[in-house]
């Protein structure tokens, strides 16, 4: 398993990043994207993991659980 970190500057960058990501790669995005209409629905349907950057502890818990799942199932 590995983690790829990307700092995109616009919501359209996400579409380009999805094209170059390896198979079985799941992005983590800020929860605010979920509420951006069509972009939010597309992100949710594609399986993006959302974190709440306003609540640090919740964000850490989501990322920790994701890392455990990656290691346990040996997936990217």
PDB file of N, CA and C in Angstrom:
ATOM      1  N   UNK A   1       0.820  -1.205   0.000  1.00  0.00           N
ATOM      2  CA  UNK A   1       0.000   0.000   0.000  1.00  0.00           C
ATOM      3  C   UNK A   1       0.856   1.258   0.000  1.00  0.00           C
ATOM      4  N   UNK A   2       0.331   2.304  -0.564  1.00  0.00           N
ATOM      5  CA  UNK A   2       1.032   3.574  -0.553  1.00  0.00           C
ATOM      6  C   UNK A   2       0.035   4.710  -0.531  1.00  0.00           C
ATOM      7  N   UNK A   3       0.536   5.903  -0.236  1.00  0.00           N
ATOM      8  CA  UNK A   3      -0.284   7.104  -0.185  1.00  0.00           C
ATOM      9  C   UNK A   3       0.302   8.098  -1.170  1.00  0.00           C
ATOM     10  N   UNK A   4      -0.553   8.666  -2.016  1.00  0.00           N
ATOM     11  CA  UNK A   4      -0.131   9.669  -2.979  1.00  0.00           C
ATOM     12  C   UNK A   4      -0.755  11.001  -2.557  1.00  0.00           C
ATOM     13  N   UNK A   5       0.061  12.013  -2.371  1.00  0.00           N
ATOM     14  CA  UNK A   5      -0.427  13.315  -1.926  1.00  0.00           C
ATOM     15  C   UNK A   5      -0.414  14.280  -3.098  1.00  0.00           C
ATOM     16  N   UNK A   6      -1.564  14.900  -3.360  1.00  0.00           N
ATOM     17  CA  UNK A   6      -1.689  15.878  -4.449  1.00  0.00           C
ATOM     18  C   UNK A   6      -2.329  17.138  -3.891  1.00  0.00           C
ATOM     19  N   UNK A   7      -1.806  18.259  -4.265  1.00  0.00           N
ATOM     20  CA  UNK A   7      -2.372  19.533  -3.846  1.00  0.00           C
ATOM     21  C   UNK A   7      -2.956  20.211  -5.081  1.00  0.00           C
ATOM     22  N   UNK A   8      -4.234  19.979  -5.298  1.00  0.00           N
ATOM     23  CA  UNK A   8      -4.867  20.574  -6.472  1.00  0.00           C
ATOM     24  C   UNK A   8      -5.403  21.955  -6.118  1.00  0.00           C
ATOM     25  N   UNK A   9      -5.447  22.835  -7.099  1.00  0.00           N
ATOM     26  CA  UNK A   9      -5.835  24.224  -6.868  1.00  0.00           C
ATOM     27  C   UNK A   9      -7.269  24.522  -7.287  1.00  0.00           C
ATOM     28  N   UNK A  10      -7.886  23.684  -8.089  1.00  0.00           N
ATOM     29  CA  UNK A  10      -9.249  23.918  -8.542  1.00  0.00           C
ATOM     30  C   UNK A  10      -9.996  22.595  -8.594  1.00  0.00           C
ATOM     31  N   UNK A  11     -11.313  22.657  -8.575  1.00  0.00           N
ATOM     32  CA  UNK A  11     -12.099  21.422  -8.580  1.00  0.00           C
ATOM     33  C   UNK A  11     -11.928  20.647  -9.889  1.00  0.00           C
ATOM     34  N   UNK A  12     -11.588  21.326 -10.977  1.00  0.00           N
ATOM     35  CA  UNK A  12     -11.367  20.631 -12.249  1.00  0.00           C
ATOM     36  C   UNK A  12     -10.092  19.795 -12.223  1.00  0.00           C
ATOM     37  N   UNK A  13      -9.143  20.166 -11.377  1.00  0.00           N
ATOM     38  CA  UNK A  13      -7.908  19.389 -11.264  1.00  0.00           C
ATOM     39  C   UNK A  13      -8.181  17.968 -10.800  1.00  0.00           C
ATOM     40  N   UNK A  14      -9.241  17.801 -10.030  1.00  0.00           N
ATOM     41  CA  UNK A  14      -9.588  16.482  -9.517  1.00  0.00           C
ATOM     42  C   UNK A  14      -9.842  15.494 -10.652  1.00  0.00           C
ATOM     43  N   UNK A  15     -10.494  15.959 -11.707  1.00  0.00           N
ATOM     44  CA  UNK A  15     -10.769  15.079 -12.848  1.00  0.00           C
ATOM     45  C   UNK A  15      -9.477  14.618 -13.526  1.00  0.00           C
ATOM     46  N   UNK A  16      -8.513  15.514 -13.637  1.00  0.00           N
ATOM     47  CA  UNK A  16      -7.222  15.145 -14.226  1.00  0.00           C
ATOM     48  C   UNK A  16      -6.480  14.165 -13.322  1.00  0.00           C
ATOM     49  N   UNK A  17      -6.528  14.395 -12.014  1.00  0.00           N
ATOM     50  CA  UNK A  17      -5.848  13.500 -11.073  1.00  0.00           C
ATOM     51  C   UNK A  17      -6.433  12.099 -11.134  1.00  0.00           C
ATOM     52  N   UNK A  18      -7.748  11.997 -11.290  1.00  0.00           N
ATOM     53  CA  UNK A  18      -8.392  10.689 -11.358  1.00  0.00           C
ATOM     54  C   UNK A  18      -7.890   9.911 -12.572  1.00  0.00           C
ATOM     55  N   UNK A  19      -7.616  10.596 -13.661  1.00  0.00           N
ATOM     56  CA  UNK A  19      -7.138   9.927 -14.869  1.00  0.00           C
ATOM     57  C   UNK A  19      -5.740   9.339 -14.703  1.00  0.00           C
ATOM     58  N   UNK A  20      -4.877   9.967 -13.906  1.00  0.00           N
ATOM     59  CA  UNK A  20      -3.492   9.493 -13.790  1.00  0.00           C
ATOM     60  C   UNK A  20      -3.261   8.592 -12.589  1.00  0.00           C
ATOM     61  N   UNK A  21      -4.246   8.471 -11.701  1.00  0.00           N
ATOM     62  CA  UNK A  21      -4.073   7.629 -10.514  1.00  0.00           C
ATOM     63  C   UNK A  21      -4.060   6.161 -10.897  1.00  0.00           C
ATOM     64  N   UNK A  22      -3.291   5.371 -10.160  1.00  0.00           N
ATOM     65  CA  UNK A  22      -3.265   3.925 -10.419  1.00  0.00           C
ATOM     66  C   UNK A  22      -4.618   3.288 -10.097  1.00  0.00           C
ATOM     67  N   UNK A  23      -4.836   2.086 -10.613  1.00  0.00           N
ATOM     68  CA  UNK A  23      -6.059   1.341 -10.292  1.00  0.00           C
ATOM     69  C   UNK A  23      -6.132   1.100  -8.790  1.00  0.00           C
ATOM     70  N   UNK A  24      -7.327   0.993  -8.281  1.00  0.00           N
ATOM     71  CA  UNK A  24      -7.613   0.731  -6.867  1.00  0.00           C
ATOM     72  C   UNK A  24      -7.115   1.834  -5.943  1.00  0.00           C
ATOM     73  N   UNK A  25      -6.924   3.014  -6.454  1.00  0.00           N
ATOM     74  CA  UNK A  25      -6.475   4.143  -5.650  1.00  0.00           C
ATOM     75  C   UNK A  25      -7.703   4.973  -5.275  1.00  0.00           C
ATOM     76  N   UNK A  26      -7.860   5.277  -4.005  1.00  0.00           N
ATOM     77  CA  UNK A  26      -9.011   6.047  -3.540  1.00  0.00           C
ATOM     78  C   UNK A  26      -8.529   7.364  -2.957  1.00  0.00           C
ATOM     79  N   UNK A  27      -8.987   8.473  -3.512  1.00  0.00           N
ATOM     80  CA  UNK A  27      -8.565   9.782  -2.998  1.00  0.00           C
ATOM     81  C   UNK A  27      -9.294  10.156  -1.711  1.00  0.00           C
ATOM     82  N   UNK A  28      -8.647  11.007  -0.940  1.00  0.00           N
ATOM     83  CA  UNK A  28      -9.233  11.597   0.261  1.00  0.00           C
ATOM     84  C   UNK A  28      -9.398  13.077  -0.029  1.00  0.00           C
ATOM     85  N   UNK A  29     -10.575  13.611   0.223  1.00  0.00           N
ATOM     86  CA  UNK A  29     -10.858  15.008  -0.090  1.00  0.00           C
ATOM     87  C   UNK A  29     -11.507  15.694   1.103  1.00  0.00           C
ATOM     88  N   UNK A  30     -11.452  17.013   1.087  1.00  0.00           N
ATOM     89  CA  UNK A  30     -12.109  17.767   2.156  1.00  0.00           C
ATOM     90  C   UNK A  30     -13.617  17.634   2.016  1.00  0.00           C
ATOM     91  N   UNK A  31     -14.288  17.628   3.151  1.00  0.00           N
ATOM     92  CA  UNK A  31     -15.728  17.393   3.183  1.00  0.00           C
ATOM     93  C   UNK A  31     -16.513  18.472   2.441  1.00  0.00           C
ATOM     94  N   UNK A  32     -15.948  19.661   2.317  1.00  0.00           N
ATOM     95  CA  UNK A  32     -16.636  20.754   1.635  1.00  0.00           C
ATOM     96  C   UNK A  32     -16.957  20.412   0.181  1.00  0.00           C
ATOM     97  N   UNK A  33     -16.142  19.559  -0.453  1.00  0.00           N
ATOM     98  CA  UNK A  33     -16.403  19.160  -1.837  1.00  0.00           C
ATOM     99  C   UNK A  33     -17.720  18.403  -1.974  1.00  0.00           C
ATOM    100  N   UNK A  34     -18.128  17.738  -0.915  1.00  0.00           N
ATOM    101  CA  UNK A  34     -19.363  16.970  -0.932  1.00  0.00           C
ATOM    102  C   UNK A  34     -20.568  17.858  -1.199  1.00  0.00           C
ATOM    103  N   UNK A  35     -20.485  19.120  -0.832  1.00  0.00           N
ATOM    104  CA  UNK A  35     -21.616  20.042  -0.959  1.00  0.00           C
ATOM    105  C   UNK A  35     -21.518  20.938  -2.201  1.00  0.00           C
ATOM    106  N   UNK A  36     -20.734  20.550  -3.192  1.00  0.00           N
ATOM    107  CA  UNK A  36     -20.558  21.357  -4.404  1.00  0.00           C
ATOM    108  C   UNK A  36     -21.414  20.842  -5.566  1.00  0.00           C
ATOM    109  N   UNK A  37     -22.665  20.540  -5.298  1.00  0.00           N
ATOM    110  CA  UNK A  37     -23.596  20.136  -6.347  1.00  0.00           C
ATOM    111  C   UNK A  37     -23.185  18.892  -7.093  1.00  0.00           C
ATOM    112  N   UNK A  38     -23.104  18.988  -8.395  1.00  0.00           N
ATOM    113  CA  UNK A  38     -22.793  17.848  -9.248  1.00  0.00           C
ATOM    114  C   UNK A  38     -21.410  17.276  -8.949  1.00  0.00           C
ATOM    115  N   UNK A  39     -20.448  18.149  -8.667  1.00  0.00           N
ATOM    116  CA  UNK A  39     -19.091  17.686  -8.332  1.00  0.00           C
ATOM    117  C   UNK A  39     -19.135  16.835  -7.069  1.00  0.00           C
ATOM    118  N   UNK A  40     -19.898  17.275  -6.082  1.00  0.00           N
ATOM    119  CA  UNK A  40     -20.026  16.525  -4.835  1.00  0.00           C
ATOM    120  C   UNK A  40     -20.640  15.151  -5.033  1.00  0.00           C
ATOM    121  N   UNK A  41     -21.710  15.089  -5.829  1.00  0.00           N
ATOM    122  CA  UNK A  41     -22.347  13.801  -6.114  1.00  0.00           C
ATOM    123  C   UNK A  41     -21.387  12.870  -6.850  1.00  0.00           C
ATOM    124  N   UNK A  42     -20.672  13.406  -7.834  1.00  0.00           N
ATOM    125  CA  UNK A  42     -19.716  12.587  -8.589  1.00  0.00           C
ATOM    126  C   UNK A  42     -18.617  12.054  -7.683  1.00  0.00           C
ATOM    127  N   UNK A  43     -18.127  12.904  -6.787  1.00  0.00           N
ATOM    128  CA  UNK A  43     -17.085  12.470  -5.841  1.00  0.00           C
ATOM    129  C   UNK A  43     -17.613  11.376  -4.930  1.00  0.00           C
ATOM    130  N   UNK A  44     -18.806  11.563  -4.404  1.00  0.00           N
ATOM    131  CA  UNK A  44     -19.403  10.595  -3.488  1.00  0.00           C
ATOM    132  C   UNK A  44     -19.628   9.255  -4.187  1.00  0.00           C
ATOM    133  N   UNK A  45     -20.156   9.315  -5.412  1.00  0.00           N
ATOM    134  CA  UNK A  45     -20.424   8.081  -6.149  1.00  0.00           C
ATOM    135  C   UNK A  45     -19.153   7.352  -6.561  1.00  0.00           C
ATOM    136  N   UNK A  46     -18.060   8.080  -6.735  1.00  0.00           N
ATOM    137  CA  UNK A  46     -16.809   7.435  -7.134  1.00  0.00           C
ATOM    138  C   UNK A  46     -16.028   6.871  -5.945  1.00  0.00           C
ATOM    139  N   UNK A  47     -16.538   7.056  -4.734  1.00  0.00           N
ATOM    140  CA  UNK A  47     -15.923   6.422  -3.568  1.00  0.00           C
ATOM    141  C   UNK A  47     -14.851   7.233  -2.875  1.00  0.00           C
ATOM    142  N   UNK A  48     -14.832   8.531  -3.097  1.00  0.00           N
ATOM    143  CA  UNK A  48     -13.849   9.385  -2.424  1.00  0.00           C
ATOM    144  C   UNK A  48     -14.133   9.387  -0.925  1.00  0.00           C
ATOM    145  N   UNK A  49     -13.084   9.345  -0.134  1.00  0.00           N
ATOM    146  CA  UNK A  49     -13.201   9.414   1.322  1.00  0.00           C
ATOM    147  C   UNK A  49     -13.112  10.881   1.723  1.00  0.00           C
ATOM    148  N   UNK A  50     -14.129  11.353   2.431  1.00  0.00           N
ATOM    149  CA  UNK A  50     -14.177  12.755   2.823  1.00  0.00           C
ATOM    150  C   UNK A  50     -13.727  12.917   4.268  1.00  0.00           C
ATOM    151  N   UNK A  51     -12.928  13.965   4.512  1.00  0.00           N
ATOM    152  CA  UNK A  51     -12.507  14.275   5.875  1.00  0.00           C
ATOM    153  C   UNK A  51     -12.959  15.694   6.217  1.00  0.00           C
ATOM    154  N   UNK A  52     -13.275  15.878   7.487  1.00  0.00           N
ATOM    155  CA  UNK A  52     -13.686  17.185   7.975  1.00  0.00           C
ATOM    156  C   UNK A  52     -12.463  17.895   8.541  1.00  0.00           C
ATOM    157  N   UNK A  53     -11.936  18.845   7.807  1.00  0.00           N
ATOM    158  CA  UNK A  53     -10.731  19.534   8.248  1.00  0.00           C
ATOM    159  C   UNK A  53     -11.002  20.486   9.406  1.00  0.00           C
ATOM    160  N   UNK A  54     -12.276  20.794   9.663  1.00  0.00           N
ATOM    161  CA  UNK A  54     -12.632  21.662  10.780  1.00  0.00           C
ATOM    162  C   UNK A  54     -12.461  20.933  12.117  1.00  0.00           C
ATOM    163  N   UNK A  55     -12.681  19.619  12.104  1.00  0.00           N
ATOM    164  CA  UNK A  55     -12.562  18.798  13.317  1.00  0.00           C
ATOM    165  C   UNK A  55     -11.351  17.891  13.160  1.00  0.00           C
ATOM    166  N   UNK A  56     -10.248  18.325  13.708  1.00  0.00           N
ATOM    167  CA  UNK A  56      -8.964  17.642  13.529  1.00  0.00           C
ATOM    168  C   UNK A  56      -9.020  16.180  13.967  1.00  0.00           C
ATOM    169  N   UNK A  57      -9.607  15.929  15.118  1.00  0.00           N
ATOM    170  CA  UNK A  57      -9.663  14.567  15.658  1.00  0.00           C
ATOM    171  C   UNK A  57     -10.452  13.637  14.730  1.00  0.00           C
ATOM    172  N   UNK A  58     -11.576  14.124  14.204  1.00  0.00           N
ATOM    173  CA  UNK A  58     -12.372  13.314  13.272  1.00  0.00           C
ATOM    174  C   UNK A  58     -11.590  13.000  12.004  1.00  0.00           C
ATOM    175  N   UNK A  59     -10.859  13.989  11.496  1.00  0.00           N
ATOM    176  CA  UNK A  59     -10.057  13.783  10.292  1.00  0.00           C
ATOM    177  C   UNK A  59      -8.973  12.735  10.536  1.00  0.00           C
ATOM    178  N   UNK A  60      -8.327  12.824  11.675  1.00  0.00           N
ATOM    179  CA  UNK A  60      -7.282  11.851  12.017  1.00  0.00           C
ATOM    180  C   UNK A  60      -7.879  10.457  12.130  1.00  0.00           C
ATOM    181  N   UNK A  61      -9.065  10.340  12.743  1.00  0.00           N
ATOM    182  CA  UNK A  61      -9.712   9.038  12.891  1.00  0.00           C
ATOM    183  C   UNK A  61     -10.048   8.418  11.530  1.00  0.00           C
ATOM    184  N   UNK A  62     -10.547   9.220  10.603  1.00  0.00           N
ATOM    185  CA  UNK A  62     -10.893   8.710   9.267  1.00  0.00           C
ATOM    186  C   UNK A  62      -9.639   8.234   8.542  1.00  0.00           C
ATOM    187  N   UNK A  63      -8.597   9.025   8.593  1.00  0.00           N
ATOM    188  CA  UNK A  63      -7.356   8.650   7.910  1.00  0.00           C
ATOM    189  C   UNK A  63      -6.722   7.418   8.561  1.00  0.00           C
ATOM    190  N   UNK A  64      -6.773   7.337   9.884  1.00  0.00           N
ATOM    191  CA  UNK A  64      -6.226   6.178  10.598  1.00  0.00           C
ATOM    192  C   UNK A  64      -6.981   4.907  10.224  1.00  0.00           C
ATOM    193  N   UNK A  65      -8.313   4.984  10.191  1.00  0.00           N
ATOM    194  CA  UNK A  65      -9.111   3.815   9.815  1.00  0.00           C
ATOM    195  C   UNK A  65      -8.831   3.400   8.374  1.00  0.00           C
ATOM    196  N   UNK A  66      -8.665   4.365   7.496  1.00  0.00           N
ATOM    197  CA  UNK A  66      -8.342   4.063   6.102  1.00  0.00           C
ATOM    198  C   UNK A  66      -6.990   3.365   6.004  1.00  0.00           C
ATOM    199  N   UNK A  67      -6.010   3.851   6.748  1.00  0.00           N
ATOM    200  CA  UNK A  67      -4.679   3.233   6.743  1.00  0.00           C
ATOM    201  C   UNK A  67      -4.738   1.803   7.274  1.00  0.00           C
ATOM    202  N   UNK A  68      -5.512   1.573   8.314  1.00  0.00           N
ATOM    203  CA  UNK A  68      -5.651   0.213   8.861  1.00  0.00           C
ATOM    204  C   UNK A  68      -6.255  -0.729   7.819  1.00  0.00           C
ATOM    205  N   UNK A  69      -7.286  -0.247   7.143  1.00  0.00           N
ATOM    206  CA  UNK A  69      -7.926  -1.067   6.113  1.00  0.00           C
ATOM    207  C   UNK A  69      -6.942  -1.382   4.990  1.00  0.00           C
ATOM    208  N   UNK A  70      -6.157  -0.374   4.575  1.00  0.00           N
ATOM    209  CA  UNK A  70      -5.165  -0.582   3.519  1.00  0.00           C
ATOM    210  C   UNK A  70      -4.153  -1.649   3.927  1.00  0.00           C
ATOM    211  N   UNK A  71      -3.671  -1.561   5.156  1.00  0.00           N
ATOM    212  CA  UNK A  71      -2.661  -2.519   5.604  1.00  0.00           C
ATOM    213  C   UNK A  71      -3.263  -3.909   5.805  1.00  0.00           C
ATOM    214  N   UNK A  72      -4.462  -3.976   6.384  1.00  0.00           N
ATOM    215  CA  UNK A  72      -5.095  -5.261   6.669  1.00  0.00           C
ATOM    216  C   UNK A  72      -5.440  -6.019   5.390  1.00  0.00           C
ATOM    217  N   UNK A  73      -5.980  -5.316   4.402  1.00  0.00           N
ATOM    218  CA  UNK A  73      -6.388  -5.956   3.153  1.00  0.00           C
ATOM    219  C   UNK A  73      -5.307  -5.904   2.079  1.00  0.00           C
ATOM    220  N   UNK A  74      -4.167  -5.280   2.405  1.00  0.00           N
ATOM    221  CA  UNK A  74      -3.043  -5.151   1.486  1.00  0.00           C
ATOM    222  C   UNK A  74      -3.488  -4.587   0.139  1.00  0.00           C
ATOM    223  N   UNK A  75      -4.229  -3.485   0.205  1.00  0.00           N
ATOM    224  CA  UNK A  75      -4.697  -2.831  -1.006  1.00  0.00           C
ATOM    225  C   UNK A  75      -4.152  -1.413  -1.067  1.00  0.00           C
ATOM    226  N   UNK A  76      -4.176  -0.847  -2.258  1.00  0.00           N
ATOM    227  CA  UNK A  76      -3.770   0.537  -2.455  1.00  0.00           C
ATOM    228  C   UNK A  76      -5.008   1.399  -2.439  1.00  0.00           C
TER     229      UNK A  76
END
